[in-house]
Amino acid sequence: MSTPALQGRAPARVPAPTRQFWIAKAVSTALGEAVSDFSIHVLNPVLAVLLGFAFFVGALAFQLTRRRYVPEAYWLAVAAVGVFGTMAADVMHVVLGLPYAATATLYAAALAAVFIAWRRTERTLDVHAVTTTRRELFYWAAVVGTFALGTAVGDLTAVGLGLGYAPSIVLFAVLITLPAIAYRFLGLNGVAAFWTAYVLTRPLGASVADWLGKPVSEGGAGVGPGWVSLVFAIALVAVVSAPRIRALRVTAREPRLDRELTPDA
């Protein structure tokens, strides 16, 4: 869901919102939630947050030096944002003692401020137009905001409002269809539809990870965040690698097809 690509010579630095993009995005959100929960349980929480921040800075710095969309670099950065964004939202609640409604409101205001500054500076929020370093910095600021906001909203519905993890999955699965329907049938702006769906993938994926990883006594399935982290890490690698593997298979078949189509001398 996006507006037509804007004209420009520079290559896009972030992916277009294809079906593969949305699958990878959903998987990365669940991965970030599970890894954050697992790391805080097996490490000292302060050390876990510091390592999460270091991972975030390193992955983002690597992505910013690519100058074009490289799937491995981009999705590594998204995974890092998912981990650190979860930690940032949790710190606001656990360490500072802010209620989930307050943290959700705070992150919503911060994300709105990023969008306003980005729109006023660049005159567009279209991901197809992310072709410069400044626009990419705005993009990643928005991504961090969406992850933190989505985490806070997911915790608000599941814990703060007492809805639970499984019902939260159903709630956000329904909500995420609304921008698609509004874009398809009601004329909603493509950029607005994209960012609305982008925000909603976070609480949806986080709710799935929480339901799988949390103990049965807390309303989860009891699988454990470590195993959930491993499964979603493998899934993300598979989803991101799939287009390249298909392309390699096609390339490998081309010489054989040429031989089959060439008449014998």
Protein backbone atom coordinates (compact mmCIF):
# COMPACT_ATOMS: atom_id res chain seq x y z
CA MET A 1 0.00 0.00 0.00
CA SER A 2 1.69 3.18 -1.16
CA THR A 3 1.43 5.96 -3.65
CA PRO A 4 3.13 5.57 -7.02
CA ALA A 5 6.91 5.80 -6.90
CA LEU A 6 8.25 9.28 -7.13
CA GLN A 7 10.59 10.18 -9.95
CA GLY A 8 14.26 10.30 -9.07
CA ARG A 9 17.62 9.01 -10.15
CA ALA A 10 18.84 7.74 -6.79
CA PRO A 11 17.89 4.16 -5.86
CA ALA A 12 15.46 3.54 -3.05
CA ARG A 13 17.12 2.69 0.24
CA VAL A 14 14.16 0.83 1.74
CA PRO A 15 11.88 -1.84 0.26
CA ALA A 16 8.56 -1.28 -1.44
CA PRO A 17 5.55 -2.60 0.51
CA THR A 18 5.06 -5.90 -1.29
CA ARG A 19 3.45 -9.02 0.13
CA GLN A 20 6.90 -10.37 1.05
CA PHE A 21 7.63 -7.11 2.87
CA TRP A 22 4.53 -7.41 5.08
CA ILE A 23 5.26 -11.03 5.93
CA ALA A 24 8.83 -10.18 6.88
CA LYS A 25 7.67 -7.16 8.86
CA ALA A 26 5.19 -9.24 10.88
CA VAL A 27 7.82 -11.90 11.58
CA SER A 28 10.38 -9.28 12.62
CA THR A 29 7.99 -7.76 15.15
CA ALA A 30 7.40 -11.11 16.80
CA LEU A 31 11.14 -11.77 16.73
CA GLY A 32 11.94 -8.46 18.42
CA GLU A 33 9.44 -9.08 21.21
CA ALA A 34 10.67 -12.62 21.86
CA VAL A 35 14.38 -11.72 21.79
CA SER A 36 13.80 -8.79 24.14
CA ASP A 37 11.93 -10.98 26.64
CA PHE A 38 14.51 -13.77 26.40
CA SER A 39 17.53 -11.49 26.82
CA ILE A 40 16.09 -9.77 29.88
CA HIS A 41 15.40 -13.17 31.49
CA VAL A 42 18.87 -14.66 30.86
CA LEU A 43 20.94 -11.48 31.36
CA ASN A 44 21.05 -8.65 33.81
CA PRO A 45 18.30 -6.28 32.56
CA VAL A 46 20.65 -3.29 32.40
CA LEU A 47 23.21 -5.30 30.43
CA ALA A 48 20.47 -6.62 28.15
CA VAL A 49 19.28 -3.10 27.35
CA LEU A 50 22.84 -1.89 26.71
CA LEU A 51 23.49 -4.82 24.37
CA GLY A 52 20.17 -4.18 22.64
CA PHE A 53 21.14 -0.55 22.14
CA ALA A 54 24.57 -1.52 20.80
CA PHE A 55 22.96 -4.00 18.38
CA PHE A 56 20.52 -1.29 17.26
CA VAL A 57 23.26 1.32 16.68
CA GLY A 58 25.54 -1.11 14.86
CA ALA A 59 22.84 -2.55 12.60
CA LEU A 60 21.45 0.89 11.76
CA ALA A 61 24.91 2.28 11.00
CA PHE A 62 25.55 -0.65 8.67
CA GLN A 63 22.21 -0.06 6.92
CA LEU A 64 22.85 3.67 6.47
CA THR A 65 26.13 3.02 4.66
CA ARG A 66 24.49 0.81 2.00
CA ARG A 67 23.09 3.76 -0.05
CA ARG A 68 20.53 1.40 -1.60
CA TYR A 69 18.16 -1.33 -0.49
CA VAL A 70 20.09 -4.44 0.52
CA PRO A 71 17.68 -7.00 2.03
CA GLU A 72 20.09 -8.48 4.55
CA ALA A 73 21.22 -5.10 5.88
CA TYR A 74 17.71 -3.67 5.98
CA TRP A 75 16.05 -6.56 7.80
CA LEU A 76 18.95 -6.84 10.25
CA ALA A 77 18.28 -3.20 11.13
CA VAL A 78 14.55 -3.86 11.45
CA ALA A 79 15.22 -6.80 13.76
CA ALA A 80 17.51 -4.61 15.87
CA VAL A 81 14.85 -1.90 16.05
CA GLY A 82 12.34 -4.56 17.09
CA VAL A 83 14.52 -5.67 20.00
CA PHE A 84 15.50 -2.21 21.20
CA GLY A 85 12.06 -0.70 20.56
CA THR A 86 10.53 -3.36 22.80
CA MET A 87 13.10 -2.66 25.49
CA ALA A 88 12.51 1.09 25.27
CA ALA A 89 8.77 0.63 25.77
CA ASP A 90 9.31 -1.81 28.63
CA VAL A 91 11.77 0.52 30.38
CA MET A 92 9.18 3.28 30.41
CA HIS A 93 6.74 0.99 32.22
CA VAL A 94 8.96 -1.18 34.40
CA VAL A 95 11.69 1.29 35.38
CA LEU A 96 9.85 4.60 35.34
CA GLY A 97 6.54 3.13 36.46
CA LEU A 98 4.42 4.78 33.77
CA PRO A 99 1.13 3.01 33.04
CA TYR A 100 0.67 1.45 29.61
CA ALA A 101 -1.85 4.11 28.60
CA ALA A 102 0.70 6.82 29.38
CA THR A 103 3.53 5.14 27.47
CA ALA A 104 1.24 4.54 24.48
CA THR A 105 0.21 8.20 24.50
CA LEU A 106 3.81 9.36 24.85
CA TYR A 107 5.05 7.26 21.96
CA ALA A 108 2.08 8.25 19.80
CA ALA A 109 2.97 11.91 20.35
CA ALA A 110 6.64 11.22 19.57
CA LEU A 111 5.74 9.38 16.36
CA ALA A 112 3.39 12.19 15.32
CA ALA A 113 6.21 14.69 15.89
CA VAL A 114 8.52 12.64 13.63
CA PHE A 115 5.90 12.52 10.87
CA ILE A 116 5.23 16.27 11.13
CA ALA A 117 8.93 17.13 10.98
CA TRP A 118 9.50 14.69 8.12
CA ARG A 119 6.55 16.03 6.12
CA ARG A 120 7.52 19.65 6.63
CA THR A 121 11.14 19.02 5.72
CA GLU A 122 10.78 16.62 2.77
CA ARG A 123 7.18 17.29 1.65
CA THR A 124 6.45 13.56 1.50
CA LEU A 125 6.25 10.48 3.72
CA ASP A 126 6.25 8.06 0.79
CA VAL A 127 8.67 5.19 1.30
CA HIS A 128 9.40 5.15 -2.43
CA ALA A 129 10.97 8.59 -1.98
CA VAL A 130 13.48 7.46 0.66
CA THR A 131 16.50 7.99 -1.58
CA THR A 132 18.68 10.31 0.53
CA THR A 133 20.38 10.01 3.89
CA ARG A 134 18.18 12.67 5.47
CA ARG A 135 14.99 10.99 4.34
CA GLU A 136 16.28 7.63 5.52
CA LEU A 137 17.05 9.08 8.96
CA PHE A 138 13.46 10.33 9.18
CA TYR A 139 12.29 6.89 8.02
CA TRP A 140 14.19 5.06 10.75
CA ALA A 141 13.07 7.54 13.38
CA ALA A 142 9.50 6.73 12.36
CA VAL A 143 10.23 2.99 12.41
CA VAL A 144 11.61 3.21 15.96
CA GLY A 145 8.50 5.18 16.96
CA THR A 146 6.14 2.61 15.43
CA PHE A 147 7.86 -0.27 17.24
CA ALA A 148 7.79 1.49 20.61
CA LEU A 149 4.18 2.60 20.11
CA GLY A 150 3.07 -0.82 18.94
CA THR A 151 4.72 -2.50 21.90
CA ALA A 152 3.02 -0.13 24.34
CA VAL A 153 -0.37 -0.57 22.66
CA GLY A 154 -0.03 -4.36 22.65
CA ASP A 155 0.83 -4.37 26.36
CA LEU A 156 -2.05 -1.99 27.03
CA THR A 157 -4.65 -4.29 25.47
CA ALA A 158 -3.22 -7.58 26.73
CA VAL A 159 -2.23 -6.55 30.25
CA GLY A 160 -3.45 -3.05 31.02
CA LEU A 161 -6.99 -3.67 29.85
CA GLY A 162 -6.89 -7.36 30.79
CA LEU A 163 -7.82 -8.58 27.32
CA GLY A 164 -5.13 -11.25 27.24
CA TYR A 165 -2.66 -12.27 24.54
CA ALA A 166 -4.82 -14.53 22.36
CA PRO A 167 -7.74 -12.09 22.17
CA SER A 168 -5.23 -9.31 21.41
CA ILE A 169 -4.03 -11.32 18.41
CA VAL A 170 -7.59 -11.46 17.09
CA LEU A 171 -8.14 -7.75 17.80
CA PHE A 172 -5.06 -6.57 15.92
CA ALA A 173 -5.56 -9.08 13.11
CA VAL A 174 -8.94 -7.46 12.51
CA LEU A 175 -7.65 -3.91 12.92
CA ILE A 176 -4.82 -4.40 10.44
CA THR A 177 -7.31 -5.23 7.69
CA LEU A 178 -9.00 -1.84 8.07
CA PRO A 179 -6.34 0.34 6.38
CA ALA A 180 -6.19 -2.18 3.52
CA ILE A 181 -9.96 -2.05 3.10
CA ALA A 182 -10.02 1.74 3.39
CA TYR A 183 -7.23 2.04 0.81
CA ARG A 184 -8.87 -0.41 -1.58
CA PHE A 185 -12.48 0.72 -1.39
CA LEU A 186 -12.73 4.06 0.43
CA GLY A 187 -9.97 6.07 -1.17
CA LEU A 188 -7.64 6.29 1.83
CA ASN A 189 -4.30 7.85 0.93
CA GLY A 190 -1.71 5.16 0.26
CA VAL A 191 0.90 6.71 2.52
CA ALA A 192 -1.55 6.94 5.43
CA ALA A 193 -2.65 3.35 4.82
CA PHE A 194 0.95 2.15 4.78
CA TRP A 195 1.98 3.78 8.05
CA THR A 196 -1.24 2.77 9.80
CA ALA A 197 -0.66 -0.85 8.85
CA TYR A 198 3.02 -0.51 9.75
CA VAL A 199 2.12 0.55 13.29
CA LEU A 200 -0.44 -2.25 13.68
CA THR A 201 1.93 -5.02 12.62
CA ARG A 202 3.90 -4.37 15.79
CA PRO A 203 1.20 -5.16 18.40
CA LEU A 204 -0.01 -8.03 16.22
CA GLY A 205 3.42 -9.66 16.02
CA ALA A 206 4.24 -8.87 19.65
CA SER A 207 0.95 -10.41 20.81
CA VAL A 208 1.74 -13.60 18.87
CA ALA A 209 5.22 -13.78 20.41
CA ASP A 210 3.90 -13.08 23.91
CA TRP A 211 1.14 -15.67 23.61
CA LEU A 212 3.62 -18.31 22.46
CA GLY A 213 6.37 -17.39 24.89
CA LYS A 214 4.58 -16.50 28.12
CA PRO A 215 3.86 -19.19 30.74
CA VAL A 216 0.45 -20.80 30.81
CA SER A 217 -0.14 -19.16 34.20
CA GLU A 218 0.12 -15.76 32.48
CA GLY A 219 -2.20 -16.65 29.60
CA GLY A 220 0.46 -17.87 27.19
CA ALA A 221 1.18 -21.19 25.50
CA GLY A 222 4.31 -21.79 27.58
CA VAL A 223 6.71 -22.41 24.68
CA GLY A 224 9.26 -20.00 26.14
CA PRO A 225 10.81 -16.83 24.63
CA GLY A 226 14.06 -18.61 23.74
CA TRP A 227 12.41 -21.15 21.45
CA VAL A 228 10.08 -18.48 20.04
CA SER A 229 13.11 -16.30 19.25
CA LEU A 230 14.79 -19.16 17.42
CA VAL A 231 11.71 -20.05 15.37
CA PHE A 232 11.05 -16.49 14.28
CA ALA A 233 14.73 -15.85 13.53
CA ILE A 234 14.73 -18.84 11.17
CA ALA A 235 11.42 -17.67 9.67
CA LEU A 236 12.77 -14.16 9.02
CA VAL A 237 15.90 -15.50 7.33
CA ALA A 238 13.73 -17.78 5.19
CA VAL A 239 11.33 -15.01 4.15
CA VAL A 240 14.10 -12.53 3.34
CA SER A 241 16.16 -15.14 1.46
CA ALA A 242 13.27 -16.57 -0.57
CA PRO A 243 13.32 -14.03 -3.47
CA ARG A 244 17.09 -14.40 -3.90
CA ILE A 245 16.87 -18.20 -3.83
CA ARG A 246 14.11 -18.12 -6.46
CA ALA A 247 16.23 -15.81 -8.62
CA LEU A 248 19.22 -18.14 -8.35
CA ARG A 249 17.07 -21.10 -9.34
CA VAL A 250 15.80 -19.25 -12.41
CA THR A 251 19.35 -18.25 -13.36
CA ALA A 252 20.54 -21.83 -12.94
CA ARG A 253 17.77 -23.08 -15.23
CA GLU A 254 18.40 -20.58 -18.04
CA PRO A 255 21.45 -22.33 -19.62
CA ARG A 256 19.60 -25.65 -19.56
CA LEU A 257 16.57 -24.09 -21.23
CA ASP A 258 18.81 -22.50 -23.85
CA ARG A 259 20.33 -25.88 -24.62
CA GLU A 260 16.89 -27.47 -24.88
CA LEU A 261 15.62 -24.76 -27.22
CA THR A 262 18.72 -24.70 -29.46
CA PRO A 263 18.30 -27.09 -32.43
CA ASP A 264 21.00 -29.66 -32.97
CA ALA A 265 23.53 -28.75 -35.56
